[in-house]
C-alpha atoms as a PDB file:
ATOM      1  CA  MET A   1     -28.411 -17.659 -22.420  1.00  0.00           C
ATOM      2  CA  ILE A   2     -26.020 -20.609 -23.432  1.00  0.00           C
ATOM      3  CA  ASP A   3     -23.526 -22.101 -20.740  1.00  0.00           C
ATOM      4  CA  GLN A   4     -20.194 -21.671 -22.782  1.00  0.00           C
ATOM      5  CA  GLY A   5     -18.209 -24.291 -20.340  1.00  0.00           C
ATOM      6  CA  TYR A   6     -20.784 -26.550 -20.198  1.00  0.00           C
ATOM      7  CA  GLN A   7     -21.216 -26.689 -23.949  1.00  0.00           C
ATOM      8  CA  ASN A   8     -17.692 -27.280 -24.557  1.00  0.00           C
ATOM      9  CA  PHE A   9     -17.870 -29.907 -21.487  1.00  0.00           C
ATOM     10  CA  LYS A  10     -20.576 -32.025 -23.605  1.00  0.00           C
ATOM     11  CA  ASP A  11     -18.987 -31.400 -26.647  1.00  0.00           C
ATOM     12  CA  VAL A  12     -16.008 -33.195 -25.406  1.00  0.00           C
ATOM     13  CA  PHE A  13     -17.741 -35.760 -23.670  1.00  0.00           C
ATOM     14  CA  ILE A  14     -19.493 -36.802 -26.301  1.00  0.00           C
ATOM     15  CA  SER A  15     -17.458 -37.059 -28.849  1.00  0.00           C
ATOM     16  CA  GLU A  16     -14.490 -38.869 -26.811  1.00  0.00           C
ATOM     17  CA  SER A  17     -17.339 -41.161 -24.391  1.00  0.00           C
ATOM     18  CA  PRO A  18     -17.727 -44.886 -26.007  1.00  0.00           C
ATOM     19  CA  VAL A  19     -21.138 -44.882 -23.542  1.00  0.00           C
ATOM     20  CA  ASP A  20     -24.071 -43.262 -24.570  1.00  0.00           C
ATOM     21  CA  ILE A  21     -25.471 -40.964 -21.351  1.00  0.00           C
ATOM     22  CA  SER A  22     -28.076 -39.065 -21.152  1.00  0.00           C
ATOM     23  CA  GLU A  23     -28.422 -35.082 -21.262  1.00  0.00           C
ATOM     24  CA  ASP A  24     -29.068 -34.705 -17.385  1.00  0.00           C
ATOM     25  CA  LYS A  25     -26.207 -37.026 -16.602  1.00  0.00           C
ATOM     26  CA  ILE A  26     -23.630 -35.096 -18.715  1.00  0.00           C
ATOM     27  CA  ARG A  27     -25.012 -31.941 -16.669  1.00  0.00           C
ATOM     28  CA  GLN A  28     -24.504 -33.691 -13.687  1.00  0.00           C
ATOM     29  CA  LEU A  29     -21.115 -34.592 -14.295  1.00  0.00           C
ATOM     30  CA  TYR A  30     -20.068 -31.291 -15.584  1.00  0.00           C
ATOM     31  CA  ALA A  31     -21.532 -29.894 -12.143  1.00  0.00           C
ATOM     32  CA  PHE A  32     -19.311 -32.348 -10.006  1.00  0.00           C
ATOM     33  CA  MET A  33     -16.363 -31.312 -11.951  1.00  0.00           C
ATOM     34  CA  ILE A  34     -17.104 -27.725 -11.376  1.00  0.00           C
ATOM     35  CA  GLU A  35     -17.569 -28.438  -7.930  1.00  0.00           C
ATOM     36  CA  MET A  36     -14.271 -30.730  -7.482  1.00  0.00           C
ATOM     37  CA  LYS A  37     -12.134 -27.875  -8.854  1.00  0.00           C
ATOM     38  CA  LYS A  38     -13.584 -25.717  -6.544  1.00  0.00           C
ATOM     39  CA  THR A  39     -13.158 -27.700  -3.486  1.00  0.00           C
ATOM     40  CA  ASN A  40      -9.718 -28.432  -4.801  1.00  0.00           C
ATOM     41  CA  ALA A  41      -8.048 -25.153  -3.681  1.00  0.00           C
ATOM     42  CA  HIS A  42      -8.160 -25.830   0.065  1.00  0.00           C
ATOM     43  CA  VAL A  43      -8.748 -29.770   0.045  1.00  0.00           C
ATOM     44  CA  ASN A  44      -6.397 -31.672  -2.486  1.00  0.00           C
ATOM     45  CA  LEU A  45      -8.448 -34.282  -4.091  1.00  0.00           C
ATOM     46  CA  THR A  46      -6.676 -34.428  -7.975  1.00  0.00           C
ATOM     47  CA  ARG A  47      -3.645 -33.157  -9.561  1.00  0.00           C
ATOM     48  CA  ILE A  48      -5.594 -32.842 -12.755  1.00  0.00           C
ATOM     49  CA  VAL A  49      -7.148 -29.445 -12.949  1.00  0.00           C
ATOM     50  CA  ASP A  50      -7.627 -29.314 -16.675  1.00  0.00           C
ATOM     51  CA  ASP A  51     -11.029 -29.749 -17.990  1.00  0.00           C
ATOM     52  CA  ARG A  52     -10.236 -31.787 -21.022  1.00  0.00           C
ATOM     53  CA  ASP A  53      -7.921 -33.955 -18.970  1.00  0.00           C
ATOM     54  CA  PHE A  54     -10.353 -34.187 -15.764  1.00  0.00           C
ATOM     55  CA  ILE A  55     -12.891 -35.352 -18.683  1.00  0.00           C
ATOM     56  CA  GLU A  56     -10.861 -38.146 -19.919  1.00  0.00           C
ATOM     57  CA  LYS A  57      -8.380 -39.140 -17.150  1.00  0.00           C
ATOM     58  CA  HIS A  58     -11.337 -38.968 -14.346  1.00  0.00           C
ATOM     59  CA  LEU A  59     -14.908 -39.167 -15.711  1.00  0.00           C
ATOM     60  CA  LEU A  60     -14.513 -41.060 -19.121  1.00  0.00           C
ATOM     61  CA  ASP A  61     -12.083 -43.486 -17.002  1.00  0.00           C
ATOM     62  CA  ALA A  62     -14.849 -44.243 -14.757  1.00  0.00           C
ATOM     63  CA  VAL A  63     -17.825 -44.512 -16.580  1.00  0.00           C
ATOM     64  CA  THR A  64     -16.705 -46.799 -18.808  1.00  0.00           C
ATOM     65  CA  CYS A  65     -16.751 -49.570 -15.891  1.00  0.00           C
ATOM     66  CA  PRO A  66     -19.174 -52.380 -17.534  1.00  0.00           C
ATOM     67  CA  LEU A  67     -20.911 -52.257 -13.768  1.00  0.00           C
ATOM     68  CA  LYS A  68     -23.284 -55.638 -14.151  1.00  0.00           C
ATOM     69  CA  ALA A  69     -27.326 -54.765 -14.324  1.00  0.00           C
ATOM     70  CA  GLU A  70     -28.121 -57.039 -11.546  1.00  0.00           C
ATOM     71  CA  ALA A  71     -25.297 -55.570  -9.141  1.00  0.00           C
ATOM     72  CA  HIS A  72     -26.978 -53.111  -6.571  1.00  0.00           C
ATOM     73  CA  GLU A  73     -24.618 -52.111  -4.154  1.00  0.00           C
ATOM     74  CA  ILE A  74     -21.209 -50.863  -5.190  1.00  0.00           C
ATOM     75  CA  LEU A  75     -17.917 -50.041  -2.612  1.00  0.00           C
ATOM     76  CA  ASP A  76     -15.648 -47.735  -3.802  1.00  0.00           C
ATOM     77  CA  VAL A  77     -12.136 -48.681  -1.943  1.00  0.00           C
ATOM     78  CA  GLY A  78      -9.587 -45.760  -1.202  1.00  0.00           C
ATOM     79  CA  SER A  79     -12.251 -43.928  -3.354  1.00  0.00           C
ATOM     80  CA  GLY A  80     -10.026 -40.280  -2.499  1.00  0.00           C
ATOM     81  CA  GLY A  81     -11.419 -37.538  -4.462  1.00  0.00           C
ATOM     82  CA  GLY A  82     -14.652 -39.685  -4.642  1.00  0.00           C
ATOM     83  CA  ILE A  83     -13.475 -41.778  -8.322  1.00  0.00           C
ATOM     84  CA  PRO A  84     -14.826 -43.604  -9.867  1.00  0.00           C
ATOM     85  CA  GLY A  85     -18.034 -44.101  -7.314  1.00  0.00           C
ATOM     86  CA  VAL A  86     -19.153 -40.336  -8.051  1.00  0.00           C
ATOM     87  CA  PRO A  87     -19.245 -40.279 -11.917  1.00  0.00           C
ATOM     88  CA  LEU A  88     -20.668 -44.257 -11.696  1.00  0.00           C
ATOM     89  CA  ALA A  89     -23.378 -43.016  -9.154  1.00  0.00           C
ATOM     90  CA  ILE A  90     -24.450 -40.353 -11.749  1.00  0.00           C
ATOM     91  CA  CYS A  91     -24.974 -42.743 -14.472  1.00  0.00           C
ATOM     92  CA  HIS A  92     -26.421 -45.439 -12.535  1.00  0.00           C
ATOM     93  CA  PRO A  93     -29.017 -43.818 -10.520  1.00  0.00           C
ATOM     94  CA  ASP A  94     -30.624 -47.194  -9.786  1.00  0.00           C
ATOM     95  CA  LYS A  95     -27.579 -48.607  -7.755  1.00  0.00           C
ATOM     96  CA  HIS A  96     -26.430 -47.571  -4.208  1.00  0.00           C
ATOM     97  CA  PHE A  97     -22.333 -46.708  -4.090  1.00  0.00           C
ATOM     98  CA  THR A  98     -20.592 -46.530  -0.579  1.00  0.00           C
ATOM     99  CA  LEU A  99     -17.274 -44.972  -0.640  1.00  0.00           C
ATOM    100  CA  LEU A 100     -14.211 -45.923   1.395  1.00  0.00           C
ATOM    101  CA  ASP A 101     -11.348 -43.983   2.249  1.00  0.00           C
ATOM    102  CA  SER A 102      -9.163 -43.660   5.603  1.00  0.00           C
ATOM    103  CA  THR A 103      -8.779 -39.959   4.730  1.00  0.00           C
ATOM    104  CA  GLY A 104     -11.819 -38.488   6.990  1.00  0.00           C
ATOM    105  CA  LYS A 105     -10.913 -34.812   5.070  1.00  0.00           C
ATOM    106  CA  LYS A 106     -11.423 -36.160   1.842  1.00  0.00           C
ATOM    107  CA  MET A 107     -14.374 -37.907   2.544  1.00  0.00           C
ATOM    108  CA  LYS A 108     -16.372 -34.905   4.095  1.00  0.00           C
ATOM    109  CA  ALA A 109     -15.173 -32.737   1.145  1.00  0.00           C
ATOM    110  CA  VAL A 110     -16.447 -35.406  -1.658  1.00  0.00           C
ATOM    111  CA  GLU A 111     -19.835 -35.695   1.043  1.00  0.00           C
ATOM    112  CA  GLU A 112     -20.140 -32.055   0.155  1.00  0.00           C
ATOM    113  CA  ILE A 113     -19.868 -32.234  -3.416  1.00  0.00           C
ATOM    114  CA  VAL A 114     -22.376 -34.828  -3.782  1.00  0.00           C
ATOM    115  CA  ASN A 115     -24.703 -32.819  -1.769  1.00  0.00           C
ATOM    116  CA  ALA A 116     -24.215 -29.739  -3.830  1.00  0.00           C
ATOM    117  CA  ILE A 117     -24.705 -31.412  -6.939  1.00  0.00           C
ATOM    118  CA  GLY A 118     -27.818 -33.227  -5.427  1.00  0.00           C
ATOM    119  CA  LEU A 119     -26.500 -36.921  -5.776  1.00  0.00           C
ATOM    120  CA  LYS A 120     -28.677 -38.889  -3.379  1.00  0.00           C
ATOM    121  CA  ASN A 121     -27.613 -42.912  -4.234  1.00  0.00           C
ATOM    122  CA  VAL A 122     -23.778 -42.295  -2.196  1.00  0.00           C
ATOM    123  CA  SER A 123     -23.320 -42.976   1.254  1.00  0.00           C
ATOM    124  CA  PHE A 124     -19.772 -42.913   3.492  1.00  0.00           C
ATOM    125  CA  LEU A 125     -17.223 -44.828   5.140  1.00  0.00           C
ATOM    126  CA  ILE A 126     -14.107 -43.718   6.540  1.00  0.00           C
ATOM    127  CA  GLY A 127     -11.492 -46.108   7.757  1.00  0.00           C
ATOM    128  CA  ARG A 128      -9.520 -48.948   6.598  1.00  0.00           C
ATOM    129  CA  ALA A 129     -10.573 -51.476   4.324  1.00  0.00           C
ATOM    130  CA  GLU A 130      -8.793 -54.100   6.031  1.00  0.00           C
ATOM    131  CA  ASP A 131     -10.830 -52.981   9.392  1.00  0.00           C
ATOM    132  CA  TYR A 132     -14.051 -52.663   7.746  1.00  0.00           C
ATOM    133  CA  GLY A 133     -13.620 -56.143   5.553  1.00  0.00           C
ATOM    134  CA  LYS A 134     -13.492 -57.883   9.243  1.00  0.00           C
ATOM    135  CA  LYS A 135     -16.878 -56.444  10.170  1.00  0.00           C
ATOM    136  CA  ASP A 136     -20.023 -58.645   9.294  1.00  0.00           C
ATOM    137  CA  GLN A 137     -22.032 -55.231   8.873  1.00  0.00           C
ATOM    138  CA  TYR A 138     -19.941 -55.159   5.572  1.00  0.00           C
ATOM    139  CA  ARG A 139     -17.993 -58.416   4.530  1.00  0.00           C
ATOM    140  CA  GLU A 140     -19.679 -60.194   1.479  1.00  0.00           C
ATOM    141  CA  GLN A 141     -22.536 -57.343   1.197  1.00  0.00           C
ATOM    142  CA  PHE A 142     -21.924 -55.764  -1.800  1.00  0.00           C
ATOM    143  CA  ASP A 143     -22.326 -56.942  -5.624  1.00  0.00           C
ATOM    144  CA  GLY A 144     -19.231 -55.166  -7.070  1.00  0.00           C
ATOM    145  CA  VAL A 145     -16.301 -53.488  -5.306  1.00  0.00           C
ATOM    146  CA  CYS A 146     -14.025 -50.833  -7.074  1.00  0.00           C
ATOM    147  CA  ALA A 147     -10.627 -50.042  -6.724  1.00  0.00           C
ATOM    148  CA  ARG A 148      -8.837 -47.159  -9.026  1.00  0.00           C
ATOM    149  CA  ALA A 149      -5.205 -46.277  -8.098  1.00  0.00           C
ATOM    150  CA  VAL A 150      -5.375 -47.743  -4.968  1.00  0.00           C
ATOM    151  CA  ALA A 151      -2.203 -50.390  -4.815  1.00  0.00           C
ATOM    152  CA  ALA A 152      -1.075 -53.279  -6.361  1.00  0.00           C
ATOM    153  CA  PHE A 153      -3.636 -56.139  -7.413  1.00  0.00           C
ATOM    154  CA  ASN A 154      -2.322 -58.457  -5.556  1.00  0.00           C
ATOM    155  CA  VAL A 155      -2.550 -56.110  -2.281  1.00  0.00           C
ATOM    156  CA  LEU A 156      -5.728 -55.113  -3.615  1.00  0.00           C
ATOM    157  CA  ASP A 157      -7.584 -58.479  -4.199  1.00  0.00           C
ATOM    158  CA  GLU A 158      -6.815 -59.480  -0.375  1.00  0.00           C
ATOM    159  CA  LEU A 159      -8.216 -56.015   0.692  1.00  0.00           C
ATOM    160  CA  CYS A 160     -11.345 -56.429  -1.723  1.00  0.00           C
ATOM    161  CA  ALA A 161     -12.490 -59.837  -1.856  1.00  0.00           C
ATOM    162  CA  PRO A 162     -13.763 -59.562   1.282  1.00  0.00           C
ATOM    163  CA  PHE A 163     -16.700 -57.063   0.832  1.00  0.00           C
ATOM    164  CA  LEU A 164     -17.805 -59.129  -2.563  1.00  0.00           C
ATOM    165  CA  LYS A 165     -20.679 -61.564  -1.752  1.00  0.00           C
ATOM    166  CA  VAL A 166     -20.452 -64.713  -3.812  1.00  0.00           C
ATOM    167  CA  GLY A 167     -21.594 -63.723  -7.825  1.00  0.00           C
ATOM    168  CA  GLY A 168     -19.888 -60.296  -7.039  1.00  0.00           C
ATOM    169  CA  THR A 169     -17.338 -58.452  -9.297  1.00  0.00           C
ATOM    170  CA  PHE A 170     -14.192 -56.906  -8.718  1.00  0.00           C
ATOM    171  CA  TYR A 171     -13.487 -54.281 -10.976  1.00  0.00           C
ATOM    172  CA  ALA A 172      -9.642 -53.213 -10.522  1.00  0.00           C
ATOM    173  CA  TRP A 173      -8.587 -50.109 -12.999  1.00  0.00           C
ATOM    174  CA  LYS A 174      -4.764 -50.840 -14.050  1.00  0.00           C
ATOM    175  CA  GLY A 175      -2.098 -49.621 -16.667  1.00  0.00           C
ATOM    176  CA  GLN A 176       0.445 -51.182 -18.961  1.00  0.00           C
ATOM    177  CA  GLN A 177       1.256 -53.803 -16.121  1.00  0.00           C
ATOM    178  CA  ALA A 178      -1.999 -55.051 -15.958  1.00  0.00           C
ATOM    179  CA  LYS A 179      -1.101 -58.974 -16.883  1.00  0.00           C
ATOM    180  CA  ALA A 180       2.213 -58.685 -14.927  1.00  0.00           C
ATOM    181  CA  GLU A 181       0.345 -58.082 -11.932  1.00  0.00           C
ATOM    182  CA  ILE A 182      -2.338 -60.585 -12.437  1.00  0.00           C
ATOM    183  CA  GLU A 183       0.593 -63.272 -12.618  1.00  0.00           C
ATOM    184  CA  GLU A 184       1.986 -62.078  -9.184  1.00  0.00           C
ATOM    185  CA  ALA A 185      -1.020 -62.196  -7.662  1.00  0.00           C
ATOM    186  CA  GLY A 186      -1.217 -66.077  -8.846  1.00  0.00           C
ATOM    187  CA  ASN A 187      -3.172 -68.677  -6.534  1.00  0.00           C
ATOM    188  CA  GLY A 188      -3.605 -66.103  -4.113  1.00  0.00           C
ATOM    189  CA  LEU A 189      -7.252 -65.094  -6.035  1.00  0.00           C
ATOM    190  CA  SER A 190      -8.639 -68.861  -5.275  1.00  0.00           C
ATOM    191  CA  ARG A 191      -7.553 -68.940  -1.744  1.00  0.00           C
ATOM    192  CA  LEU A 192      -9.485 -65.465  -1.535  1.00  0.00           C
ATOM    193  CA  GLY A 193     -12.615 -66.836  -3.550  1.00  0.00           C
ATOM    194  CA  LEU A 194     -11.660 -65.056  -7.032  1.00  0.00           C
ATOM    195  CA  GLY A 195     -12.305 -66.511 -10.033  1.00  0.00           C
ATOM    196  CA  SER A 196     -12.028 -65.984 -13.699  1.00  0.00           C
ATOM    197  CA  ILE A 197     -10.964 -62.791 -15.118  1.00  0.00           C
ATOM    198  CA  ARG A 198     -11.355 -60.620 -17.712  1.00  0.00           C
ATOM    199  CA  ILE A 199      -9.515 -57.471 -19.051  1.00  0.00           C
ATOM    200  CA  THR A 200     -10.958 -54.699 -20.711  1.00  0.00           C
ATOM    201  CA  GLN A 201      -9.647 -51.837 -22.438  1.00  0.00           C
ATOM    202  CA  ASN A 202     -11.311 -49.079 -20.790  1.00  0.00           C
ATOM    203  CA  LEU A 203      -9.520 -45.663 -22.080  1.00  0.00           C
ATOM    204  CA  ILE A 204      -6.770 -44.885 -24.448  1.00  0.00           C
ATOM    205  CA  LEU A 205      -5.185 -41.667 -23.488  1.00  0.00           C
ATOM    206  CA  LYS A 206      -3.708 -39.432 -26.065  1.00  0.00           C
ATOM    207  CA  LYS A 207      -0.335 -39.841 -24.518  1.00  0.00           C
ATOM    208  CA  ALA A 208       0.043 -43.160 -25.196  1.00  0.00           C
ATOM    209  CA  ALA A 209      -0.592 -44.268 -21.659  1.00  0.00           C
ATOM    210  CA  PHE A 210      -3.900 -46.661 -21.249  1.00  0.00           C
ATOM    211  CA  HIS A 211      -6.033 -48.001 -18.693  1.00  0.00           C
ATOM    212  CA  VAL A 212      -7.608 -51.608 -18.185  1.00  0.00           C
ATOM    213  CA  ILE A 213     -10.553 -52.393 -16.291  1.00  0.00           C
ATOM    214  CA  ILE A 214      -9.458 -55.768 -14.354  1.00  0.00           C
ATOM    215  CA  GLN A 215     -12.598 -57.597 -13.945  1.00  0.00           C
ATOM    216  CA  CYS A 216     -12.786 -60.770 -11.016  1.00  0.00           C
ATOM    217  CA  ASP A 217     -15.450 -62.822 -10.508  1.00  0.00           C
ATOM    218  CA  LYS A 218     -16.091 -63.888  -7.052  1.00  0.00           C
ATOM    219  CA  ILE A 219     -17.006 -67.737  -6.744  1.00  0.00           C
ATOM    220  CA  GLY A 220     -16.457 -68.954  -3.378  1.00  0.00           C
ATOM    221  CA  SER A 221     -16.662 -67.371   0.750  1.00  0.00           C
ATOM    222  CA  THR A 222     -13.656 -65.694   1.249  1.00  0.00           C
ATOM    223  CA  PRO A 223     -12.009 -67.433   4.601  1.00  0.00           C
ATOM    224  CA  LYS A 224     -12.331 -65.392   7.662  1.00  0.00           C
ATOM    225  CA  LYS A 225      -8.387 -65.125   8.187  1.00  0.00           C
ATOM    226  CA  TYR A 226      -8.750 -62.583   5.177  1.00  0.00           C
ATOM    227  CA  PRO A 227      -7.910 -59.799   4.987  1.00  0.00           C
ATOM    228  CA  ARG A 228      -4.753 -59.782   7.243  1.00  0.00           C
ATOM    229  CA  ASN A 229      -3.070 -56.469   8.614  1.00  0.00           C
ATOM    230  CA  TYR A 230      -1.978 -53.979   6.151  1.00  0.00           C
ATOM    231  CA  GLY A 231       1.374 -54.713   6.903  1.00  0.00           C
ATOM    232  CA  ARG A 232       1.062 -58.279   6.258  1.00  0.00           C
ATOM    233  CA  ILE A 233      -0.345 -57.583   3.210  1.00  0.00           C
ATOM    234  CA  ILE A 234       2.567 -55.438   1.867  1.00  0.00           C
ATOM    235  CA  LYS A 235       5.119 -57.333   3.484  1.00  0.00           C
ATOM    236  CA  LYS A 236       4.179 -60.706   1.842  1.00  0.00           C
ATOM    237  CA  PRO A 237       1.052 -60.644  -0.777  1.00  0.00           C
ATOM    238  CA  LEU A 238      -0.947 -64.080  -1.303  1.00  0.00           C
ATOM    239  CA  ALA A 239       0.667 -65.564  -4.439  1.00  0.00           C
END
């Protein structure tokens, strides 16, 4: 018997996706969407509940991230409802993803979803990025750090850089102001050990908005004085 809901999902996903994803991964992405919508009825994980919008604005927006083949440990900072971390984990079963968010209720809900869809390569941290970034257990331990819809780029760089190994890459999802945000970050990037920047157009949305992914490589160790207290980061971002 044909699952019409899944078939519709698959048709839209394949027609819109710029990347080739196997049938089993598409099916697991569908299961993630279904479980997310169920959970969203009692835990606010997303405002996007229309299937097509969910595919475009959550799933495709996440899985088009150009993670390096050699990157194995990935951190999703401010993961919220598990995006981009969970869709990326589905598409990259050879990599391990750690989802970090300060809202325990959300992280526990996402963990239940991950367990329900049988995803094994995801773990969870509850707390603030600026606190975990000071701990030796997590500092400069990740090959990639992702951040989507969390904060301005000149705030994100200080929160995320301490987690990256030298040679790793910081991925920041941004909109139309991406270039202006990079300019505002200025020399703060080099002070954090971050170097060359690439911008990849990620997804053109049908309502004229668009996303890009800023990719910034770690070329030197981050000084131990970073990250600062979050209040100080917000009040006076590095420049």
